[in-house]
Each structure stands twice: as C-alpha cells, then as structure tokens.
Amino acid sequence: MARSKKKVIVSSPRGRVYIQSTFNNTLITITDQTGNVLSWASAGSSGFKGTKKATPFAAQSAVKKALDRALPYNVQSVMMFVSGIGLGRDAAFRAISASGLEVTSIKDITPIPHNGVRPKKPRRV
C-alpha cells in the first residue's frame, strides 16, 4: 500500500487577501506572497443559501472562516485586493481589520471597461 505524504505547513508572515464581492455571493481567498492559496471561503460555503449569501453578515462569516483556516500559516500582515460591487465588500474590510491582522494596503482591482460595448445600430423608421 502506498503511503501518503504528510502535508507540510510553511509559515508565511505576509500574505494577500482577495475579496470578490458580487450581487449573489462573496468569495475570500488568502494567499502567500507568491500567490499560492492558503485558504479560501465563500458565503455559500459558510452555510448561507439564496439571497442571504449576498448580505454583509454572510461576507463577515466567510472572512472569519477563511482566517480560521489560515491560522496554521501564521499570517500577520496582508495586502487586500478587492474586486466587484457587492454588499459584502465593506463588511469584509471591517472583519479583516477587526481580526487583528495588519493591513498594509488596499487595492481595488474591479475591471472597468475602457470604451464599453458597441452601441446599437440606429433605428430605421
């Protein structure tokens, strides 16, 4: 029988937190400096269903769950990257700040169209 390798936990004191907030859900991903995922959580994985996933409380619960899973990695300071325009955006900010992590920077990476979609052709009457 083949033996499985033991999971090695490498301490990374600095990390990144990616918050993707949509109108339907909020996704939290915690990575190290190189981008390797340490933990993730979403409002749906935290036990919320339907329209309750889009609430600020669901986002706060998702942040707590993701931070609990990242505890073994000893993350102390984070850079935050926020994407999207949902209700859970600000609640996720506050939950991370209240958790005791040092937030070094906050960057908004929401995609913005430079020129938008092609306009409709004019009506012929």
C-alpha atoms as a PDB file:
ATOM      1  CA  MET A   1       0.000   0.000   0.000  1.00  0.00           C
ATOM      2  CA  ALA A   2       1.337   3.430  -0.932  1.00  0.00           C
ATOM      3  CA  ARG A   3       1.936   5.873   1.874  1.00  0.00           C
ATOM      4  CA  SER A   4       0.546   9.371   1.521  1.00  0.00           C
ATOM      5  CA  LYS A   5       2.874  12.286   2.122  1.00  0.00           C
ATOM      6  CA  LYS A   6       2.332  14.363   5.209  1.00  0.00           C
ATOM      7  CA  LYS A   7       1.161  17.889   4.454  1.00  0.00           C
ATOM      8  CA  VAL A   8       3.933  20.371   5.173  1.00  0.00           C
ATOM      9  CA  ILE A   9       2.789  23.729   6.546  1.00  0.00           C
ATOM     10  CA  VAL A  10       5.238  26.505   5.746  1.00  0.00           C
ATOM     11  CA  SER A  11       4.930  29.676   7.805  1.00  0.00           C
ATOM     12  CA  SER A  12       4.365  32.822   5.747  1.00  0.00           C
ATOM     13  CA  PRO A  13       4.037  36.014   7.846  1.00  0.00           C
ATOM     14  CA  ARG A  14       2.986  38.180   4.896  1.00  0.00           C
ATOM     15  CA  GLY A  15       0.055  37.341   2.677  1.00  0.00           C
ATOM     16  CA  ARG A  16      -2.606  38.620   0.338  1.00  0.00           C
ATOM     17  CA  VAL A  17      -6.371  38.641   0.730  1.00  0.00           C
ATOM     18  CA  TYR A  18      -8.527  38.657  -2.387  1.00  0.00           C
ATOM     19  CA  ILE A  19     -12.168  39.663  -1.921  1.00  0.00           C
ATOM     20  CA  GLN A  20     -14.540  39.121  -4.805  1.00  0.00           C
ATOM     21  CA  SER A  21     -17.906  40.589  -3.998  1.00  0.00           C
ATOM     22  CA  THR A  22     -20.800  40.080  -6.403  1.00  0.00           C
ATOM     23  CA  PHE A  23     -24.512  40.696  -6.079  1.00  0.00           C
ATOM     24  CA  ASN A  24     -25.011  36.984  -5.347  1.00  0.00           C
ATOM     25  CA  ASN A  25     -22.008  35.867  -3.272  1.00  0.00           C
ATOM     26  CA  THR A  26     -18.741  36.933  -1.624  1.00  0.00           C
ATOM     27  CA  LEU A  27     -15.514  34.945  -2.119  1.00  0.00           C
ATOM     28  CA  ILE A  28     -12.493  35.349   0.172  1.00  0.00           C
ATOM     29  CA  THR A  29      -9.115  33.887  -0.823  1.00  0.00           C
ATOM     30  CA  ILE A  30      -5.984  34.129   1.347  1.00  0.00           C
ATOM     31  CA  THR A  31      -2.666  33.511  -0.427  1.00  0.00           C
ATOM     32  CA  ASP A  32       1.016  33.868   0.369  1.00  0.00           C
ATOM     33  CA  GLN A  33       3.246  36.442  -1.369  1.00  0.00           C
ATOM     34  CA  THR A  34       3.801  34.209  -4.408  1.00  0.00           C
ATOM     35  CA  GLY A  35       0.094  33.525  -4.928  1.00  0.00           C
ATOM     36  CA  ASN A  36      -0.195  30.009  -3.501  1.00  0.00           C
ATOM     37  CA  VAL A  37      -3.632  29.633  -1.909  1.00  0.00           C
ATOM     38  CA  LEU A  38      -3.514  29.095   1.848  1.00  0.00           C
ATOM     39  CA  SER A  39      -7.258  29.125   2.474  1.00  0.00           C
ATOM     40  CA  TRP A  40     -10.499  30.256   0.943  1.00  0.00           C
ATOM     41  CA  ALA A  41     -14.139  30.607   1.924  1.00  0.00           C
ATOM     42  CA  SER A  42     -17.343  31.947   0.478  1.00  0.00           C
ATOM     43  CA  ALA A  43     -20.703  32.973   1.828  1.00  0.00           C
ATOM     44  CA  GLY A  44     -22.153  29.823   0.264  1.00  0.00           C
ATOM     45  CA  SER A  45     -19.575  27.552   1.888  1.00  0.00           C
ATOM     46  CA  SER A  46     -20.304  29.221   5.219  1.00  0.00           C
ATOM     47  CA  GLY A  47     -23.828  27.812   5.146  1.00  0.00           C
ATOM     48  CA  PHE A  48     -25.857  30.631   3.574  1.00  0.00           C
ATOM     49  CA  LYS A  49     -28.268  29.942   0.730  1.00  0.00           C
ATOM     50  CA  GLY A  50     -30.124  32.037  -1.805  1.00  0.00           C
ATOM     51  CA  THR A  51     -30.370  35.779  -1.278  1.00  0.00           C
ATOM     52  CA  LYS A  52     -28.775  35.546   2.185  1.00  0.00           C
ATOM     53  CA  LYS A  53     -25.389  34.880   0.511  1.00  0.00           C
ATOM     54  CA  ALA A  54     -25.312  38.495  -0.700  1.00  0.00           C
ATOM     55  CA  THR A  55     -25.647  40.016   2.789  1.00  0.00           C
ATOM     56  CA  PRO A  56     -22.835  41.748   4.708  1.00  0.00           C
ATOM     57  CA  PHE A  57     -23.198  39.272   7.589  1.00  0.00           C
ATOM     58  CA  ALA A  58     -22.570  36.353   5.234  1.00  0.00           C
ATOM     59  CA  ALA A  59     -19.390  38.075   3.987  1.00  0.00           C
ATOM     60  CA  GLN A  60     -18.250  38.619   7.569  1.00  0.00           C
ATOM     61  CA  SER A  61     -18.810  34.937   8.348  1.00  0.00           C
ATOM     62  CA  ALA A  62     -16.854  33.930   5.238  1.00  0.00           C
ATOM     63  CA  VAL A  63     -13.901  36.112   6.317  1.00  0.00           C
ATOM     64  CA  LYS A  64     -13.873  34.520   9.772  1.00  0.00           C
ATOM     65  CA  LYS A  65     -13.938  31.028   8.262  1.00  0.00           C
ATOM     66  CA  ALA A  66     -11.093  31.813   5.834  1.00  0.00           C
ATOM     67  CA  LEU A  67      -8.971  33.375   8.595  1.00  0.00           C
ATOM     68  CA  ASP A  68      -9.518  30.363  10.871  1.00  0.00           C
ATOM     69  CA  ARG A  69      -8.284  28.054   8.129  1.00  0.00           C
ATOM     70  CA  ALA A  70      -5.208  30.274   7.575  1.00  0.00           C
ATOM     71  CA  LEU A  71      -4.202  30.217  11.280  1.00  0.00           C
ATOM     72  CA  PRO A  72      -1.577  27.431  10.934  1.00  0.00           C
ATOM     73  CA  TYR A  73       0.313  29.535   8.378  1.00  0.00           C
ATOM     74  CA  ASN A  74       0.951  32.398  10.886  1.00  0.00           C
ATOM     75  CA  VAL A  75      -0.148  35.199   8.571  1.00  0.00           C
ATOM     76  CA  GLN A  76       0.330  38.545  10.356  1.00  0.00           C
ATOM     77  CA  SER A  77       0.204  41.269   7.692  1.00  0.00           C
ATOM     78  CA  VAL A  78      -1.834  41.253   4.498  1.00  0.00           C
ATOM     79  CA  MET A  79      -2.362  43.250   1.336  1.00  0.00           C
ATOM     80  CA  MET A  80      -6.031  43.408   0.330  1.00  0.00           C
ATOM     81  CA  PHE A  81      -7.261  43.221  -3.259  1.00  0.00           C
ATOM     82  CA  VAL A  82     -10.964  43.943  -3.735  1.00  0.00           C
ATOM     83  CA  SER A  83     -12.965  43.137  -6.842  1.00  0.00           C
ATOM     84  CA  GLY A  84     -16.639  43.654  -7.575  1.00  0.00           C
ATOM     85  CA  ILE A  85     -19.513  45.777  -6.329  1.00  0.00           C
ATOM     86  CA  GLY A  86     -21.480  43.757  -3.813  1.00  0.00           C
ATOM     87  CA  LEU A  87     -22.830  44.442  -0.344  1.00  0.00           C
ATOM     88  CA  GLY A  88     -20.254  42.186   1.329  1.00  0.00           C
ATOM     89  CA  ARG A  89     -17.328  44.339   0.247  1.00  0.00           C
ATOM     90  CA  ASP A  90     -17.255  46.778   3.175  1.00  0.00           C
ATOM     91  CA  ALA A  91     -18.212  44.108   5.706  1.00  0.00           C
ATOM     92  CA  ALA A  92     -15.220  42.024   4.591  1.00  0.00           C
ATOM     93  CA  PHE A  93     -12.929  45.075   5.073  1.00  0.00           C
ATOM     94  CA  ARG A  94     -14.138  45.583   8.616  1.00  0.00           C
ATOM     95  CA  ALA A  95     -13.962  41.898   9.529  1.00  0.00           C
ATOM     96  CA  ILE A  96     -10.324  41.645   8.420  1.00  0.00           C
ATOM     97  CA  SER A  97      -9.382  44.841  10.252  1.00  0.00           C
ATOM     98  CA  ALA A  98     -11.119  43.662  13.427  1.00  0.00           C
ATOM     99  CA  SER A  99      -9.394  40.256  13.302  1.00  0.00           C
ATOM    100  CA  GLY A 100      -6.054  41.741  14.349  1.00  0.00           C
ATOM    101  CA  LEU A 101      -4.256  41.358  11.026  1.00  0.00           C
ATOM    102  CA  GLU A 102      -2.113  44.299   9.931  1.00  0.00           C
ATOM    103  CA  VAL A 103      -3.494  45.602   6.617  1.00  0.00           C
ATOM    104  CA  THR A 104      -0.603  47.148   4.662  1.00  0.00           C
ATOM    105  CA  SER A 105      -2.515  48.195   1.540  1.00  0.00           C
ATOM    106  CA  ILE A 106      -5.951  48.055  -0.037  1.00  0.00           C
ATOM    107  CA  LYS A 107      -6.249  47.959  -3.817  1.00  0.00           C
ATOM    108  CA  ASP A 108      -9.397  47.944  -5.927  1.00  0.00           C
ATOM    109  CA  ILE A 109      -8.976  45.608  -8.912  1.00  0.00           C
ATOM    110  CA  THR A 110     -12.546  45.806 -10.221  1.00  0.00           C
ATOM    111  CA  PRO A 111     -12.448  45.599 -14.024  1.00  0.00           C
ATOM    112  CA  ILE A 112     -13.581  48.828 -15.673  1.00  0.00           C
ATOM    113  CA  PRO A 113     -14.321  48.908 -19.423  1.00  0.00           C
ATOM    114  CA  HIS A 114     -12.250  51.477 -21.300  1.00  0.00           C
ATOM    115  CA  ASN A 115     -14.712  52.018 -24.097  1.00  0.00           C
ATOM    116  CA  GLY A 116     -17.669  49.806 -23.247  1.00  0.00           C
ATOM    117  CA  VAL A 117     -19.722  47.649 -25.585  1.00  0.00           C
ATOM    118  CA  ARG A 118     -20.517  48.513 -29.172  1.00  0.00           C
ATOM    119  CA  PRO A 119     -23.603  50.772 -29.431  1.00  0.00           C
ATOM    120  CA  LYS A 120     -26.792  49.568 -31.126  1.00  0.00           C
ATOM    121  CA  LYS A 121     -27.249  50.482 -34.754  1.00  0.00           C
ATOM    122  CA  PRO A 122     -29.642  53.412 -35.343  1.00  0.00           C
ATOM    123  CA  ARG A 123     -33.317  52.644 -35.905  1.00  0.00           C
ATOM    124  CA  ARG A 124     -34.741  52.961 -39.388  1.00  0.00           C
ATOM    125  CA  VAL A 125     -38.256  54.311 -39.324  1.00  0.00           C
END
